[in-house]
Amino acid sequence: MKKTISLLSNLLLSSTLFWGVPLVAANELVETEVVDLAGYCHMKFAPMHETTLSWDRPELNTDAEKSIDFYGPCDYDPTGTAEVRTQRAILQRQLHGDGSSD
């Protein structure tokens, strides 16, 4: 009887811990925090893969070591056209030696 109770409690505990582990998806890569200013948020998100910048819907780089800190409207799309233009410009400056890699 004690073994059965111990087994069941261990099973319950391990399943709780297993389901409590968050799964990383593309939408979870964006952290949003509302700032005191009306309609403005602080966002942190990964940069896009350089190879996907020409795609219709670029993908965020889940393996990136750095993240982008953004202060702006709460409805800002981290993979939208404005961010694609910004990241393309940064990439061009880095490729042509006109900017730093930081």
PDB file of N, CA and C in Angstrom:
ATOM      1  N   MET A   1       0.807  -1.188   0.000  1.00  0.00           N
ATOM      2  CA  MET A   1       0.000   0.000   0.000  1.00  0.00           C
ATOM      3  C   MET A   1       0.855   1.260   0.000  1.00  0.00           C
ATOM      4  N   LYS A   2       1.936   1.249   0.823  1.00  0.00           N
ATOM      5  CA  LYS A   2       2.820   2.406   0.873  1.00  0.00           C
ATOM      6  C   LYS A   2       3.515   2.612  -0.467  1.00  0.00           C
ATOM      7  N   LYS A   3       3.874   1.520  -1.142  1.00  0.00           N
ATOM      8  CA  LYS A   3       4.525   1.634  -2.451  1.00  0.00           C
ATOM      9  C   LYS A   3       3.581   2.232  -3.477  1.00  0.00           C
ATOM     10  N   THR A   4       2.326   1.863  -3.417  1.00  0.00           N
ATOM     11  CA  THR A   4       1.336   2.389  -4.357  1.00  0.00           C
ATOM     12  C   THR A   4       1.135   3.884  -4.141  1.00  0.00           C
ATOM     13  N   ILE A   5       1.006   4.311  -2.903  1.00  0.00           N
ATOM     14  CA  ILE A   5       0.837   5.733  -2.598  1.00  0.00           C
ATOM     15  C   ILE A   5       2.081   6.512  -3.019  1.00  0.00           C
ATOM     16  N   SER A   6       3.256   5.965  -2.731  1.00  0.00           N
ATOM     17  CA  SER A   6       4.504   6.613  -3.116  1.00  0.00           C
ATOM     18  C   SER A   6       4.615   6.723  -4.636  1.00  0.00           C
ATOM     19  N   LEU A   7       4.254   5.655  -5.329  1.00  0.00           N
ATOM     20  CA  LEU A   7       4.313   5.664  -6.786  1.00  0.00           C
ATOM     21  C   LEU A   7       3.350   6.686  -7.370  1.00  0.00           C
ATOM     22  N   LEU A   8       2.131   6.716  -6.855  1.00  0.00           N
ATOM     23  CA  LEU A   8       1.134   7.666  -7.350  1.00  0.00           C
ATOM     24  C   LEU A   8       1.530   9.119  -7.060  1.00  0.00           C
ATOM     25  N   SER A   9       2.067   9.375  -5.880  1.00  0.00           N
ATOM     26  CA  SER A   9       2.478  10.745  -5.560  1.00  0.00           C
ATOM     27  C   SER A   9       3.670  11.179  -6.411  1.00  0.00           C
ATOM     28  N   ASN A  10       4.605  10.257  -6.656  1.00  0.00           N
ATOM     29  CA  ASN A  10       5.727  10.582  -7.535  1.00  0.00           C
ATOM     30  C   ASN A  10       5.269  10.816  -8.969  1.00  0.00           C
ATOM     31  N   LEU A  11       4.325  10.033  -9.425  1.00  0.00           N
ATOM     32  CA  LEU A  11       3.777  10.206 -10.764  1.00  0.00           C
ATOM     33  C   LEU A  11       3.064  11.541 -10.887  1.00  0.00           C
ATOM     34  N   LEU A  12       2.284  11.904  -9.895  1.00  0.00           N
ATOM     35  CA  LEU A  12       1.596  13.183  -9.894  1.00  0.00           C
ATOM     36  C   LEU A  12       2.590  14.341  -9.889  1.00  0.00           C
ATOM     37  N   LEU A  13       3.600  14.265  -9.054  1.00  0.00           N
ATOM     38  CA  LEU A  13       4.609  15.313  -8.976  1.00  0.00           C
ATOM     39  C   LEU A  13       5.379  15.450 -10.285  1.00  0.00           C
ATOM     40  N   SER A  14       5.809  14.336 -10.857  1.00  0.00           N
ATOM     41  CA  SER A  14       6.587  14.408 -12.099  1.00  0.00           C
ATOM     42  C   SER A  14       5.738  14.904 -13.264  1.00  0.00           C
ATOM     43  N   SER A  15       4.461  14.512 -13.312  1.00  0.00           N
ATOM     44  CA  SER A  15       3.615  15.003 -14.404  1.00  0.00           C
ATOM     45  C   SER A  15       3.348  16.490 -14.248  1.00  0.00           C
ATOM     46  N   THR A  16       3.195  16.966 -13.024  1.00  0.00           N
ATOM     47  CA  THR A  16       3.011  18.398 -12.786  1.00  0.00           C
ATOM     48  C   THR A  16       4.234  19.173 -13.228  1.00  0.00           C
ATOM     49  N   LEU A  17       5.416  18.681 -12.886  1.00  0.00           N
ATOM     50  CA  LEU A  17       6.645  19.343 -13.301  1.00  0.00           C
ATOM     51  C   LEU A  17       6.815  19.307 -14.812  1.00  0.00           C
ATOM     52  N   PHE A  18       6.470  18.177 -15.430  1.00  0.00           N
ATOM     53  CA  PHE A  18       6.603  18.051 -16.880  1.00  0.00           C
ATOM     54  C   PHE A  18       5.699  19.034 -17.597  1.00  0.00           C
ATOM     55  N   TRP A  19       4.451  19.138 -17.190  1.00  0.00           N
ATOM     56  CA  TRP A  19       3.515  20.035 -17.874  1.00  0.00           C
ATOM     57  C   TRP A  19       3.768  21.487 -17.509  1.00  0.00           C
ATOM     58  N   GLY A  20       4.501  21.735 -16.450  1.00  0.00           N
ATOM     59  CA  GLY A  20       4.816  23.102 -16.076  1.00  0.00           C
ATOM     60  C   GLY A  20       5.969  23.694 -16.858  1.00  0.00           C
ATOM     61  N   VAL A  21       6.707  22.873 -17.571  1.00  0.00           N
ATOM     62  CA  VAL A  21       7.826  23.361 -18.370  1.00  0.00           C
ATOM     63  C   VAL A  21       7.270  24.076 -19.584  1.00  0.00           C
ATOM     64  N   PRO A  22       7.598  25.349 -19.767  1.00  0.00           N
ATOM     65  CA  PRO A  22       7.045  26.070 -20.916  1.00  0.00           C
ATOM     66  C   PRO A  22       7.682  25.608 -22.225  1.00  0.00           C
ATOM     67  N   LEU A  23       6.874  25.504 -23.231  1.00  0.00           N
ATOM     68  CA  LEU A  23       7.345  25.177 -24.563  1.00  0.00           C
ATOM     69  C   LEU A  23       7.592  26.472 -25.310  1.00  0.00           C
ATOM     70  N   VAL A  24       8.698  26.546 -26.047  1.00  0.00           N
ATOM     71  CA  VAL A  24       9.045  27.756 -26.762  1.00  0.00           C
ATOM     72  C   VAL A  24       8.455  27.694 -28.161  1.00  0.00           C
ATOM     73  N   ALA A  25       7.672  28.681 -28.484  1.00  0.00           N
ATOM     74  CA  ALA A  25       7.117  28.837 -29.826  1.00  0.00           C
ATOM     75  C   ALA A  25       7.470  30.232 -30.304  1.00  0.00           C
ATOM     76  N   ALA A  26       7.268  30.486 -31.568  1.00  0.00           N
ATOM     77  CA  ALA A  26       7.642  31.777 -32.145  1.00  0.00           C
ATOM     78  C   ALA A  26       6.929  32.931 -31.453  1.00  0.00           C
ATOM     79  N   ASN A  27       5.677  32.768 -31.092  1.00  0.00           N
ATOM     80  CA  ASN A  27       4.942  33.837 -30.446  1.00  0.00           C
ATOM     81  C   ASN A  27       5.445  34.098 -29.036  1.00  0.00           C
ATOM     82  N   GLU A  28       6.048  33.117 -28.394  1.00  0.00           N
ATOM     83  CA  GLU A  28       6.547  33.298 -27.047  1.00  0.00           C
ATOM     84  C   GLU A  28       7.926  33.947 -27.030  1.00  0.00           C
ATOM     85  N   LEU A  29       8.494  34.188 -28.185  1.00  0.00           N
ATOM     86  CA  LEU A  29       9.801  34.828 -28.254  1.00  0.00           C
ATOM     87  C   LEU A  29       9.697  36.331 -28.071  1.00  0.00           C
ATOM     88  N   VAL A  30       8.498  36.854 -28.064  1.00  0.00           N
ATOM     89  CA  VAL A  30       8.291  38.286 -27.929  1.00  0.00           C
ATOM     90  C   VAL A  30       7.747  38.572 -26.535  1.00  0.00           C
ATOM     91  N   GLU A  31       8.503  39.352 -25.779  1.00  0.00           N
ATOM     92  CA  GLU A  31       8.069  39.766 -24.453  1.00  0.00           C
ATOM     93  C   GLU A  31       7.545  41.187 -24.560  1.00  0.00           C
ATOM     94  N   THR A  32       6.365  41.436 -24.030  1.00  0.00           N
ATOM     95  CA  THR A  32       5.771  42.771 -24.094  1.00  0.00           C
ATOM     96  C   THR A  32       5.437  43.246 -22.688  1.00  0.00           C
ATOM     97  N   GLU A  33       5.788  44.509 -22.426  1.00  0.00           N
ATOM     98  CA  GLU A  33       5.509  45.120 -21.130  1.00  0.00           C
ATOM     99  C   GLU A  33       4.943  46.511 -21.403  1.00  0.00           C
ATOM    100  N   VAL A  34       3.788  46.826 -20.863  1.00  0.00           N
ATOM    101  CA  VAL A  34       3.163  48.131 -21.080  1.00  0.00           C
ATOM    102  C   VAL A  34       3.927  49.181 -20.291  1.00  0.00           C
ATOM    103  N   VAL A  35       4.230  50.300 -20.975  1.00  0.00           N
ATOM    104  CA  VAL A  35       4.940  51.413 -20.360  1.00  0.00           C
ATOM    105  C   VAL A  35       3.900  52.425 -19.886  1.00  0.00           C
ATOM    106  N   ASP A  36       4.279  53.325 -19.006  1.00  0.00           N
ATOM    107  CA  ASP A  36       3.340  54.301 -18.457  1.00  0.00           C
ATOM    108  C   ASP A  36       2.688  55.175 -19.528  1.00  0.00           C
ATOM    109  N   LEU A  37       3.378  55.426 -20.611  1.00  0.00           N
ATOM    110  CA  LEU A  37       2.816  56.260 -21.668  1.00  0.00           C
ATOM    111  C   LEU A  37       1.663  55.532 -22.345  1.00  0.00           C
ATOM    112  N   ALA A  38       0.648  56.253 -22.690  1.00  0.00           N
ATOM    113  CA  ALA A  38      -0.544  55.644 -23.299  1.00  0.00           C
ATOM    114  C   ALA A  38      -0.206  55.071 -24.672  1.00  0.00           C
ATOM    115  N   GLY A  39      -0.490  53.778 -24.853  1.00  0.00           N
ATOM    116  CA  GLY A  39      -0.297  53.142 -26.149  1.00  0.00           C
ATOM    117  C   GLY A  39       1.127  52.721 -26.458  1.00  0.00           C
ATOM    118  N   TYR A  40       2.049  52.850 -25.528  1.00  0.00           N
ATOM    119  CA  TYR A  40       3.437  52.465 -25.775  1.00  0.00           C
ATOM    120  C   TYR A  40       3.823  51.290 -24.902  1.00  0.00           C
ATOM    121  N   CYS A  41       4.627  50.414 -25.493  1.00  0.00           N
ATOM    122  CA  CYS A  41       5.072  49.210 -24.797  1.00  0.00           C
ATOM    123  C   CYS A  41       6.580  49.035 -24.955  1.00  0.00           C
ATOM    124  N   HIS A  42       7.152  48.281 -24.037  1.00  0.00           N
ATOM    125  CA  HIS A  42       8.540  47.859 -24.137  1.00  0.00           C
ATOM    126  C   HIS A  42       8.514  46.411 -24.579  1.00  0.00           C
ATOM    127  N   MET A  43       9.155  46.099 -25.711  1.00  0.00           N
ATOM    128  CA  MET A  43       9.181  44.740 -26.241  1.00  0.00           C
ATOM    129  C   MET A  43      10.614  44.262 -26.330  1.00  0.00           C
ATOM    130  N   LYS A  44      10.801  42.986 -26.112  1.00  0.00           N
ATOM    131  CA  LYS A  44      12.085  42.328 -26.344  1.00  0.00           C
ATOM    132  C   LYS A  44      11.800  41.162 -27.269  1.00  0.00           C
ATOM    133  N   PHE A  45      12.531  41.105 -28.383  1.00  0.00           N
ATOM    134  CA  PHE A  45      12.339  40.001 -29.318  1.00  0.00           C
ATOM    135  C   PHE A  45      13.651  39.680 -30.008  1.00  0.00           C
ATOM    136  N   ALA A  46      13.737  38.463 -30.512  1.00  0.00           N
ATOM    137  CA  ALA A  46      14.937  38.007 -31.214  1.00  0.00           C
ATOM    138  C   ALA A  46      14.978  38.634 -32.608  1.00  0.00           C
ATOM    139  N   PRO A  47      16.175  38.846 -33.146  1.00  0.00           N
ATOM    140  CA  PRO A  47      16.255  39.325 -34.525  1.00  0.00           C
ATOM    141  C   PRO A  47      15.801  38.237 -35.491  1.00  0.00           C
ATOM    142  N   MET A  48      15.545  38.632 -36.722  1.00  0.00           N
ATOM    143  CA  MET A  48      15.111  37.664 -37.728  1.00  0.00           C
ATOM    144  C   MET A  48      16.317  36.934 -38.319  1.00  0.00           C
ATOM    145  N   HIS A  49      16.076  35.736 -38.838  1.00  0.00           N
ATOM    146  CA  HIS A  49      17.120  35.041 -39.582  1.00  0.00           C
ATOM    147  C   HIS A  49      17.478  35.879 -40.800  1.00  0.00           C
ATOM    148  N   GLU A  50      18.754  36.055 -41.062  1.00  0.00           N
ATOM    149  CA  GLU A  50      19.177  36.846 -42.225  1.00  0.00           C
ATOM    150  C   GLU A  50      18.662  36.243 -43.526  1.00  0.00           C
ATOM    151  N   THR A  51      18.577  34.926 -43.581  1.00  0.00           N
ATOM    152  CA  THR A  51      18.131  34.266 -44.809  1.00  0.00           C
ATOM    153  C   THR A  51      16.632  34.430 -45.046  1.00  0.00           C
ATOM    154  N   THR A  52      15.864  34.787 -44.025  1.00  0.00           N
ATOM    155  CA  THR A  52      14.415  34.923 -44.201  1.00  0.00           C
ATOM    156  C   THR A  52      13.970  36.362 -44.402  1.00  0.00           C
ATOM    157  N   LEU A  53      14.908  37.313 -44.438  1.00  0.00           N
ATOM    158  CA  LEU A  53      14.535  38.712 -44.593  1.00  0.00           C
ATOM    159  C   LEU A  53      13.865  39.008 -45.934  1.00  0.00           C
ATOM    160  N   SER A  54      14.045  38.165 -46.924  1.00  0.00           N
ATOM    161  CA  SER A  54      13.410  38.386 -48.226  1.00  0.00           C
ATOM    162  C   SER A  54      12.082  37.629 -48.357  1.00  0.00           C
ATOM    163  N   TRP A  55      11.700  36.879 -47.358  1.00  0.00           N
ATOM    164  CA  TRP A  55      10.464  36.116 -47.395  1.00  0.00           C
ATOM    165  C   TRP A  55       9.265  37.023 -47.114  1.00  0.00           C
ATOM    166  N   ASP A  56       8.072  36.534 -47.483  1.00  0.00           N
ATOM    167  CA  ASP A  56       6.855  37.288 -47.186  1.00  0.00           C
ATOM    168  C   ASP A  56       6.637  37.422 -45.685  1.00  0.00           C
ATOM    169  N   ARG A  57       6.937  36.384 -44.968  1.00  0.00           N
ATOM    170  CA  ARG A  57       6.795  36.394 -43.508  1.00  0.00           C
ATOM    171  C   ARG A  57       8.085  35.857 -42.890  1.00  0.00           C
ATOM    172  N   PRO A  58       9.047  36.741 -42.615  1.00  0.00           N
ATOM    173  CA  PRO A  58      10.327  36.292 -42.052  1.00  0.00           C
ATOM    174  C   PRO A  58      10.137  35.647 -40.683  1.00  0.00           C
ATOM    175  N   GLU A  59      11.123  34.845 -40.293  1.00  0.00           N
ATOM    176  CA  GLU A  59      11.067  34.113 -39.030  1.00  0.00           C
ATOM    177  C   GLU A  59      12.085  34.682 -38.047  1.00  0.00           C
ATOM    178  N   LEU A  60      11.708  34.677 -36.771  1.00  0.00           N
ATOM    179  CA  LEU A  60      12.628  35.114 -35.727  1.00  0.00           C
ATOM    180  C   LEU A  60      13.666  34.031 -35.480  1.00  0.00           C
ATOM    181  N   ASN A  61      14.870  34.464 -35.174  1.00  0.00           N
ATOM    182  CA  ASN A  61      15.976  33.555 -34.923  1.00  0.00           C
ATOM    183  C   ASN A  61      15.948  33.117 -33.459  1.00  0.00           C
ATOM    184  N   THR A  62      15.490  31.914 -33.221  1.00  0.00           N
ATOM    185  CA  THR A  62      15.378  31.420 -31.841  1.00  0.00           C
ATOM    186  C   THR A  62      16.734  31.167 -31.205  1.00  0.00           C
ATOM    187  N   ASP A  63      17.785  31.031 -31.999  1.00  0.00           N
ATOM    188  CA  ASP A  63      19.121  30.741 -31.482  1.00  0.00           C
ATOM    189  C   ASP A  63      19.973  31.994 -31.304  1.00  0.00           C
ATOM    190  N   ALA A  64      19.405  33.165 -31.536  1.00  0.00           N
ATOM    191  CA  ALA A  64      20.176  34.408 -31.458  1.00  0.00           C
ATOM    192  C   ALA A  64      20.642  34.661 -30.024  1.00  0.00           C
ATOM    193  N   GLU A  65      21.873  35.121 -29.895  1.00  0.00           N
ATOM    194  CA  GLU A  65      22.416  35.416 -28.570  1.00  0.00           C
ATOM    195  C   GLU A  65      21.928  36.766 -28.056  1.00  0.00           C
ATOM    196  N   LYS A  66      21.636  37.680 -28.962  1.00  0.00           N
ATOM    197  CA  LYS A  66      21.194  39.019 -28.585  1.00  0.00           C
ATOM    198  C   LYS A  66      19.703  39.159 -28.863  1.00  0.00           C
ATOM    199  N   SER A  67      19.083  40.093 -28.161  1.00  0.00           N
ATOM    200  CA  SER A  67      17.687  40.392 -28.422  1.00  0.00           C
ATOM    201  C   SER A  67      17.554  41.883 -28.704  1.00  0.00           C
ATOM    202  N   ILE A  68      16.438  42.251 -29.316  1.00  0.00           N
ATOM    203  CA  ILE A  68      16.178  43.642 -29.671  1.00  0.00           C
ATOM    204  C   ILE A  68      15.270  44.231 -28.605  1.00  0.00           C
ATOM    205  N   ASP A  69      15.681  45.372 -28.037  1.00  0.00           N
ATOM    206  CA  ASP A  69      14.839  46.131 -27.112  1.00  0.00           C
ATOM    207  C   ASP A  69      14.122  47.193 -27.924  1.00  0.00           C
ATOM    208  N   PHE A  70      12.798  47.209 -27.863  1.00  0.00           N
ATOM    209  CA  PHE A  70      12.012  48.140 -28.659  1.00  0.00           C
ATOM    210  C   PHE A  70      11.020  48.855 -27.756  1.00  0.00           C
ATOM    211  N   TYR A  71      10.972  50.178 -27.868  1.00  0.00           N
ATOM    212  CA  TYR A  71       9.971  50.984 -27.198  1.00  0.00           C
ATOM    213  C   TYR A  71       9.131  51.629 -28.280  1.00  0.00           C
ATOM    214  N   GLY A  72       7.837  51.355 -28.284  1.00  0.00           N
ATOM    215  CA  GLY A  72       6.970  51.919 -29.311  1.00  0.00           C
ATOM    216  C   GLY A  72       5.543  51.459 -29.133  1.00  0.00           C
ATOM    217  N   PRO A  73       4.758  51.563 -30.207  1.00  0.00           N
ATOM    218  CA  PRO A  73       3.347  51.184 -30.102  1.00  0.00           C
ATOM    219  C   PRO A  73       3.171  49.710 -29.747  1.00  0.00           C
ATOM    220  N   CYS A  74       2.140  49.408 -28.974  1.00  0.00           N
ATOM    221  CA  CYS A  74       1.904  48.036 -28.514  1.00  0.00           C
ATOM    222  C   CYS A  74       1.523  47.101 -29.652  1.00  0.00           C
ATOM    223  N   ASP A  75       1.037  47.642 -30.767  1.00  0.00           N
ATOM    224  CA  ASP A  75       0.636  46.787 -31.888  1.00  0.00           C
ATOM    225  C   ASP A  75       1.766  46.591 -32.903  1.00  0.00           C
ATOM    226  N   TYR A  76       2.995  46.904 -32.508  1.00  0.00           N
ATOM    227  CA  TYR A  76       4.146  46.752 -33.399  1.00  0.00           C
ATOM    228  C   TYR A  76       4.389  45.279 -33.706  1.00  0.00           C
ATOM    229  N   ASP A  77       4.640  44.976 -34.978  1.00  0.00           N
ATOM    230  CA  ASP A  77       4.874  43.591 -35.413  1.00  0.00           C
ATOM    231  C   ASP A  77       6.378  43.364 -35.565  1.00  0.00           C
ATOM    232  N   PRO A  78       6.998  42.502 -34.742  1.00  0.00           N
ATOM    233  CA  PRO A  78       8.441  42.256 -34.829  1.00  0.00           C
ATOM    234  C   PRO A  78       8.887  41.618 -36.138  1.00  0.00           C
ATOM    235  N   THR A  79       7.955  41.104 -36.936  1.00  0.00           N
ATOM    236  CA  THR A  79       8.309  40.549 -38.245  1.00  0.00           C
ATOM    237  C   THR A  79       7.614  41.316 -39.369  1.00  0.00           C
ATOM    238  N   GLY A  80       7.150  42.525 -39.077  1.00  0.00           N
ATOM    239  CA  GLY A  80       6.470  43.349 -40.067  1.00  0.00           C
ATOM    240  C   GLY A  80       7.441  44.057 -40.995  1.00  0.00           C
ATOM    241  N   THR A  81       6.894  44.803 -41.956  1.00  0.00           N
ATOM    242  CA  THR A  81       7.720  45.450 -42.986  1.00  0.00           C
ATOM    243  C   THR A  81       8.678  46.488 -42.408  1.00  0.00           C
ATOM    244  N   ALA A  82       8.247  47.236 -41.385  1.00  0.00           N
ATOM    245  CA  ALA A  82       9.135  48.251 -40.805  1.00  0.00           C
ATOM    246  C   ALA A  82      10.361  47.599 -40.171  1.00  0.00           C
ATOM    247  N   GLU A  83      10.162  46.519 -39.444  1.00  0.00           N
ATOM    248  CA  GLU A  83      11.291  45.835 -38.801  1.00  0.00           C
ATOM    249  C   GLU A  83      12.170  45.139 -39.838  1.00  0.00           C
ATOM    250  N   VAL A  84      11.571  44.609 -40.892  1.00  0.00           N
ATOM    251  CA  VAL A  84      12.359  43.980 -41.965  1.00  0.00           C
ATOM    252  C   VAL A  84      13.271  45.021 -42.602  1.00  0.00           C
ATOM    253  N   ARG A  85      12.730  46.207 -42.906  1.00  0.00           N
ATOM    254  CA  ARG A  85      13.561  47.286 -43.491  1.00  0.00           C
ATOM    255  C   ARG A  85      14.698  47.665 -42.555  1.00  0.00           C
ATOM    256  N   THR A  86      14.405  47.782 -41.265  1.00  0.00           N
ATOM    257  CA  THR A  86      15.429  48.156 -40.286  1.00  0.00           C
ATOM    258  C   THR A  86      16.531  47.106 -40.221  1.00  0.00           C
ATOM    259  N   GLN A  87      16.150  45.835 -40.153  1.00  0.00           N
ATOM    260  CA  GLN A  87      17.163  44.788 -40.047  1.00  0.00           C
ATOM    261  C   GLN A  87      17.936  44.616 -41.349  1.00  0.00           C
ATOM    262  N   ARG A  88      17.302  44.845 -42.493  1.00  0.00           N
ATOM    263  CA  ARG A  88      18.039  44.814 -43.771  1.00  0.00           C
ATOM    264  C   ARG A  88      19.071  45.929 -43.817  1.00  0.00           C
ATOM    265  N   ALA A  89      18.695  47.129 -43.360  1.00  0.00           N
ATOM    266  CA  ALA A  89      19.625  48.252 -43.352  1.00  0.00           C
ATOM    267  C   ALA A  89      20.814  47.970 -42.435  1.00  0.00           C
ATOM    268  N   ILE A  90      20.556  47.397 -41.277  1.00  0.00           N
ATOM    269  CA  ILE A  90      21.639  47.048 -40.356  1.00  0.00           C
ATOM    270  C   ILE A  90      22.555  46.016 -40.992  1.00  0.00           C
ATOM    271  N   LEU A  91      21.982  45.023 -41.641  1.00  0.00           N
ATOM    272  CA  LEU A  91      22.773  43.987 -42.306  1.00  0.00           C
ATOM    273  C   LEU A  91      23.625  44.580 -43.420  1.00  0.00           C
ATOM    274  N   GLN A  92      23.059  45.504 -44.208  1.00  0.00           N
ATOM    275  CA  GLN A  92      23.819  46.138 -45.287  1.00  0.00           C
ATOM    276  C   GLN A  92      24.990  46.948 -44.734  1.00  0.00           C
ATOM    277  N   ARG A  93      24.760  47.687 -43.646  1.00  0.00           N
ATOM    278  CA  ARG A  93      25.853  48.459 -43.039  1.00  0.00           C
ATOM    279  C   ARG A  93      26.954  47.539 -42.537  1.00  0.00           C
ATOM    280  N   GLN A  94      26.586  46.397 -41.963  1.00  0.00           N
ATOM    281  CA  GLN A  94      27.586  45.457 -41.464  1.00  0.00           C
ATOM    282  C   GLN A  94      28.362  44.825 -42.610  1.00  0.00           C
ATOM    283  N   LEU A  95      27.676  44.499 -43.710  1.00  0.00           N
ATOM    284  CA  LEU A  95      28.335  43.865 -44.841  1.00  0.00           C
ATOM    285  C   LEU A  95      29.308  44.798 -45.537  1.00  0.00           C
ATOM    286  N   HIS A  96      28.965  46.081 -45.563  1.00  0.00           N
ATOM    287  CA  HIS A  96      29.817  47.052 -46.265  1.00  0.00           C
ATOM    288  C   HIS A  96      30.767  47.799 -45.350  1.00  0.00           C
ATOM    289  N   GLY A  97      30.829  47.419 -44.095  1.00  0.00           N
ATOM    290  CA  GLY A  97      31.806  48.003 -43.184  1.00  0.00           C
ATOM    291  C   GLY A  97      31.449  49.387 -42.710  1.00  0.00           C
ATOM    292  N   ASP A  98      30.189  49.798 -42.861  1.00  0.00           N
ATOM    293  CA  ASP A  98      29.795  51.146 -42.450  1.00  0.00           C
ATOM    294  C   ASP A  98      29.244  51.205 -41.031  1.00  0.00           C
ATOM    295  N   GLY A  99      29.103  50.052 -40.401  1.00  0.00           N
ATOM    296  CA  GLY A  99      28.546  50.019 -39.044  1.00  0.00           C
ATOM    297  C   GLY A  99      29.267  48.969 -38.223  1.00  0.00           C
ATOM    298  N   SER A 100      29.016  49.041 -36.962  1.00  0.00           N
ATOM    299  CA  SER A 100      29.646  48.060 -36.086  1.00  0.00           C
ATOM    300  C   SER A 100      28.734  46.854 -35.947  1.00  0.00           C
ATOM    301  N   SER A 101      29.262  45.760 -35.471  1.00  0.00           N
ATOM    302  CA  SER A 101      28.489  44.542 -35.309  1.00  0.00           C
ATOM    303  C   SER A 101      27.664  44.560 -34.025  1.00  0.00           C
ATOM    304  N   ASP A 102      27.792  45.593 -33.183  1.00  0.00           N
ATOM    305  CA  ASP A 102      27.019  45.659 -31.922  1.00  0.00           C
ATOM    306  C   ASP A 102      25.687  46.270 -32.145  1.00  0.00           C
TER     307      ASP A 102
END
